[in-house]
Protein backbone atom coordinates (compact mmCIF):
# COMPACT_ATOMS: atom_id res chain seq x y z
CA MET A 1 -19.89 -4.29 -11.64
CA ASN A 2 -20.24 -4.22 -15.40
CA PHE A 3 -18.30 -1.12 -16.32
CA GLU A 4 -18.71 0.16 -19.88
CA LEU A 5 -16.15 2.99 -20.02
CA THR A 6 -12.69 3.62 -18.56
CA ILE A 7 -11.50 7.24 -18.55
CA ILE A 8 -7.72 7.59 -18.62
CA ILE A 9 -6.24 10.67 -16.93
CA PRO A 10 -2.54 11.12 -17.78
CA VAL A 11 -0.75 12.98 -14.99
CA TYR A 12 2.61 14.71 -15.06
CA ASN A 13 3.34 17.15 -12.22
CA GLU A 14 -0.29 18.12 -11.68
CA GLU A 15 -0.44 18.23 -7.87
CA ASP A 16 -2.23 21.60 -7.93
CA ASN A 17 -5.03 20.19 -10.08
CA LEU A 18 -5.64 16.77 -8.58
CA ASP A 19 -8.10 17.73 -5.85
CA ARG A 20 -10.27 19.44 -8.45
CA VAL A 21 -9.87 16.44 -10.78
CA HIS A 22 -11.01 14.16 -7.96
CA GLN A 23 -14.12 16.19 -7.17
CA GLU A 24 -15.18 16.78 -10.78
CA MET A 25 -14.60 13.20 -11.92
CA LYS A 26 -16.45 11.85 -8.87
CA GLN A 27 -19.37 14.10 -9.75
CA PHE A 28 -19.26 12.92 -13.35
CA LEU A 29 -19.43 9.26 -12.35
CA SER A 30 -22.84 9.94 -10.81
CA ILE A 31 -24.27 11.30 -14.10
CA SER A 32 -22.35 9.33 -16.75
CA LYS A 33 -24.48 7.69 -19.44
CA LYS A 34 -22.24 4.63 -19.24
CA LYS A 35 -21.04 2.90 -16.08
CA THR A 36 -17.59 4.49 -15.77
CA LYS A 37 -14.35 4.08 -13.85
CA ILE A 38 -11.24 6.25 -13.71
CA LEU A 39 -7.64 5.23 -14.41
CA PHE A 40 -4.86 7.67 -13.49
CA VAL A 41 -1.59 7.13 -15.37
CA ASN A 42 1.19 8.91 -13.50
CA ASP A 43 3.82 9.66 -16.13
CA GLY A 44 6.81 9.84 -13.79
CA SER A 45 5.72 12.98 -11.91
CA LYS A 46 8.43 14.62 -9.81
CA ASP A 47 6.05 16.52 -7.51
CA ASN A 48 3.51 15.19 -4.99
CA SER A 49 1.13 13.85 -7.64
CA GLN A 50 1.64 10.16 -6.85
CA THR A 51 0.86 10.60 -3.15
CA LEU A 52 -2.31 12.51 -3.99
CA ILE A 53 -3.36 9.92 -6.59
CA GLU A 54 -2.98 7.11 -4.05
CA LEU A 55 -5.07 9.04 -1.51
CA ILE A 56 -7.77 9.66 -4.12
CA CYS A 57 -7.89 6.00 -5.13
CA LYS A 58 -8.01 4.87 -1.51
CA ASP A 59 -10.80 7.34 -0.74
CA THR A 60 -13.02 6.79 -3.77
CA GLU A 61 -14.31 3.58 -5.28
CA ASP A 62 -13.91 3.18 -9.05
CA PHE A 63 -10.64 5.20 -9.10
CA THR A 64 -7.44 3.26 -9.86
CA PHE A 65 -3.92 4.10 -11.01
CA ILE A 66 -0.73 2.92 -12.63
CA SER A 67 2.55 4.78 -12.17
CA PHE A 68 5.59 4.86 -14.47
CA GLU A 69 9.11 4.51 -13.14
CA LYS A 70 10.08 7.64 -15.09
CA ASN A 71 8.57 10.17 -17.46
CA ALA A 72 7.74 8.57 -20.84
CA GLY A 73 5.46 11.16 -22.47
CA LEU A 74 1.78 11.60 -23.20
CA SER A 75 1.58 8.99 -25.96
CA ALA A 76 3.11 6.37 -23.64
CA ALA A 77 0.66 7.28 -20.87
CA ILE A 78 -2.30 6.93 -23.24
CA LYS A 79 -0.91 3.66 -24.62
CA ALA A 80 -0.53 2.26 -21.10
CA GLY A 81 -4.09 3.31 -20.35
CA PHE A 82 -5.30 1.42 -23.41
CA ASP A 83 -3.30 -1.64 -22.35
CA TYR A 84 -4.77 -1.66 -18.83
CA THR A 85 -8.37 -0.99 -19.87
CA ASP A 86 -10.84 -3.89 -19.60
CA THR A 87 -14.07 -2.09 -20.55
CA PRO A 88 -15.72 -1.97 -24.02
CA TRP A 89 -14.98 1.76 -24.33
CA VAL A 90 -11.98 3.85 -23.31
CA GLY A 91 -11.65 7.61 -23.14
CA TYR A 92 -9.22 10.17 -21.87
CA ILE A 93 -9.15 13.68 -20.48
CA ASP A 94 -6.23 15.89 -19.43
CA ALA A 95 -5.63 16.53 -15.73
CA ASP A 96 -5.73 20.30 -16.30
CA LEU A 97 -9.51 19.97 -16.92
CA GLN A 98 -9.55 22.52 -19.71
CA THR A 99 -12.32 20.30 -21.04
CA ALA A 100 -15.37 19.28 -18.97
CA PRO A 101 -15.90 15.67 -17.85
CA GLU A 102 -19.66 16.18 -18.33
CA ASP A 103 -19.04 16.51 -22.06
CA PHE A 104 -18.18 12.81 -22.23
CA ASN A 105 -21.97 12.38 -22.23
CA ILE A 106 -22.07 14.35 -25.49
CA LEU A 107 -19.52 11.98 -27.06
CA MET A 108 -21.43 8.94 -25.84
CA GLU A 109 -24.48 9.92 -27.86
CA PHE A 110 -22.64 8.78 -30.99
CA THR A 111 -21.21 5.44 -29.83
CA GLY A 112 -23.97 3.45 -31.48
CA GLU A 113 -22.66 4.38 -34.92
CA PHE A 114 -19.01 5.39 -34.51
CA ASP A 115 -15.85 3.72 -33.22
CA LEU A 116 -14.09 6.93 -32.15
CA VAL A 117 -15.72 10.18 -31.09
CA THR A 118 -13.54 13.23 -30.42
CA GLY A 119 -14.33 16.66 -29.13
CA VAL A 120 -13.63 19.88 -30.99
CA ARG A 121 -12.80 22.69 -28.57
CA SER A 122 -15.28 25.54 -29.02
CA ASN A 123 -14.19 29.11 -28.24
CA ARG A 124 -10.75 28.00 -27.04
CA LYS A 125 -9.42 29.81 -23.97
CA ASP A 126 -5.74 29.59 -24.91
CA SER A 127 -3.15 32.15 -25.94
CA PHE A 128 -2.97 33.43 -29.51
CA THR A 129 0.34 31.61 -30.04
CA LYS A 130 -1.03 28.31 -28.77
CA ASN A 131 -4.21 28.60 -30.83
CA MET A 132 -2.35 29.57 -34.00
CA SER A 133 0.26 26.81 -33.70
CA SER A 134 -2.53 24.29 -33.06
CA THR A 135 -4.44 25.49 -36.14
CA ILE A 136 -1.35 25.16 -38.33
CA ALA A 137 -0.46 21.74 -36.89
CA ASN A 138 -4.00 20.46 -37.48
CA GLY A 139 -3.87 21.69 -41.07
CA ILE A 140 -0.57 19.89 -41.70
CA ARG A 141 -1.91 16.70 -40.13
CA ARG A 142 -5.11 16.75 -42.22
CA ALA A 143 -3.05 17.18 -45.37
CA PHE A 144 -1.02 14.06 -44.51
CA THR A 145 -3.82 11.87 -43.14
CA ASP A 146 -7.01 13.09 -44.82
CA ASP A 147 -8.83 12.25 -41.58
CA GLY A 148 -11.15 15.27 -41.84
CA MET A 149 -10.69 16.12 -38.17
CA ASP A 150 -10.38 19.75 -37.08
CA ASP A 151 -8.90 19.34 -33.58
CA THR A 152 -7.21 16.00 -32.88
CA GLY A 153 -5.34 17.64 -30.00
CA CYS A 154 -8.59 17.97 -28.07
CA PRO A 155 -8.05 16.01 -24.82
CA LEU A 156 -11.56 14.57 -24.79
CA LYS A 157 -12.12 11.35 -26.76
CA ILE A 158 -13.78 7.96 -26.49
CA ILE A 159 -12.75 4.91 -28.54
CA ARG A 160 -13.84 1.31 -28.82
CA THR A 161 -11.28 -0.46 -26.66
CA ASP A 162 -10.69 -3.38 -29.01
CA MET A 163 -9.66 -0.91 -31.72
CA ALA A 164 -7.63 1.27 -29.35
CA LYS A 165 -5.58 -1.76 -28.29
CA LYS A 166 -4.66 -2.45 -31.93
CA ILE A 167 -3.08 0.99 -32.43
CA PRO A 168 0.74 0.64 -32.68
CA MET A 169 1.63 3.68 -30.60
CA PHE A 170 4.75 5.81 -31.00
CA ASN A 171 5.64 9.19 -29.51
CA GLY A 172 3.25 11.77 -30.92
CA LEU A 173 0.67 9.25 -32.13
CA HIS A 174 -1.96 10.60 -29.71
CA ARG A 175 -2.48 13.29 -32.38
CA PHE A 176 -3.32 10.60 -34.95
CA LEU A 177 -5.87 8.47 -33.12
CA PRO A 178 -8.71 9.22 -35.60
CA ALA A 179 -6.43 8.39 -38.53
CA MET A 180 -5.40 5.13 -36.87
CA ILE A 181 -9.05 4.13 -36.43
CA LEU A 182 -9.61 4.87 -40.12
CA LEU A 183 -6.75 2.49 -40.94
CA GLN A 184 -8.81 -0.20 -39.17
CA ASN A 185 -11.79 0.70 -41.39
CA GLY A 186 -13.50 2.23 -38.38
CA LYS A 187 -15.89 5.18 -38.33
CA ILE A 188 -14.98 8.47 -36.64
CA LYS A 189 -16.94 11.52 -35.52
CA GLN A 190 -16.12 14.96 -34.11
CA THR A 191 -18.48 17.13 -32.10
CA PRO A 192 -18.12 20.48 -30.30
CA VAL A 193 -17.25 20.49 -26.59
CA ARG A 194 -16.55 23.26 -24.13
CA HIS A 195 -13.09 24.61 -23.38
CA PHE A 196 -11.79 26.49 -20.34
CA ALA A 197 -8.65 28.32 -19.30
CA ARG A 198 -6.13 26.39 -17.22
CA VAL A 199 -6.64 27.35 -13.57
CA ALA A 200 -3.59 25.64 -12.01
CA GLY A 201 -0.33 24.03 -12.99
CA VAL A 202 1.80 24.69 -16.06
CA SER A 203 1.34 23.50 -19.64
CA LYS A 204 3.86 20.81 -20.66
CA PHE A 205 3.87 21.89 -24.32
CA ASN A 206 5.84 24.54 -26.19
CA LEU A 207 6.12 25.75 -29.79
CA TRP A 208 8.33 22.79 -30.74
CA ASN A 209 5.99 20.04 -29.58
CA ARG A 210 2.89 21.90 -30.76
CA LEU A 211 4.10 22.57 -34.30
CA LEU A 212 7.45 21.14 -35.39
CA GLY A 213 7.04 17.88 -33.47
CA PRO A 214 3.70 17.06 -35.17
CA LEU A 215 5.29 17.72 -38.57
CA GLN A 216 7.91 15.07 -37.86
CA ASP A 217 5.21 12.72 -36.61
CA CYS A 218 3.34 13.04 -39.92
CA PHE A 219 6.22 11.34 -41.71
CA ALA A 220 6.22 8.56 -39.13
CA TYR A 221 2.48 8.15 -39.71
CA LEU A 222 2.96 7.90 -43.49
CA TRP A 223 5.56 5.15 -43.01
CA MET A 224 3.22 3.30 -40.65
CA LYS A 225 0.26 3.67 -43.03
CA LYS A 226 2.30 2.12 -45.85
CA LYS A 227 3.32 -0.83 -43.65
CA TYR A 228 0.05 -1.21 -41.71
CA ILE A 229 -1.46 -4.72 -41.61
CA ASN A 230 -5.24 -4.95 -41.48
CA TYR A 231 -7.30 -8.11 -41.80
CA SER A 232 -10.61 -9.62 -40.72
CA VAL A 233 -11.29 -13.33 -40.25
CA ALA A 234 -14.21 -14.61 -42.33
CA LYS A 235 -14.31 -18.15 -40.93
CA LYS A 236 -12.45 -20.39 -38.52
CA GLY A 237 -12.76 -24.02 -37.48
């Protein structure tokens, strides 16, 4: 089958969400505007997530997985997903499904013109503290990167795979994916998507990794931007 899009689902201790993830992603595959397959990346879960992932992949065609030996973090899970993707486009969504798989179809409307399309969470259903820290972190990031994006933490994105594979990932770089596409002279777009309250499981983020962590990552991004190598071949023989 000629798949066009791989959707990465990073998983860390999400056993209470995986049945819902299975059902909603299976439903999405039937309506996706691009021929799509699913790639779970189990980031060293300590609960029953791996067993459930294997059952899902055995039960449903077009679902596959990779599993880390130990927890490596969200950026590593996304990086591994990029590395193992073999379709022209790659996307990702969080296993908590606070964003809707159906909204990938909204992002796909812009793939003819843009190299990365990211959602912006409308009417966020998070706590005041989480929303405020996210707003501050996004403001700091925009000041450092000038990427013009309002919500790079939104866990709903699609990217041209060839450009995604060129991103030199480090911990925290998942917040800088639009900026890294800009460094490749790519075109980026944001568009509103729906947002829902978490219905199961526990958030893996706290004030430190929502606010202070991103501030540190901005300095790492500035170093990388200064050292970044970008070229295009005009002719070869």
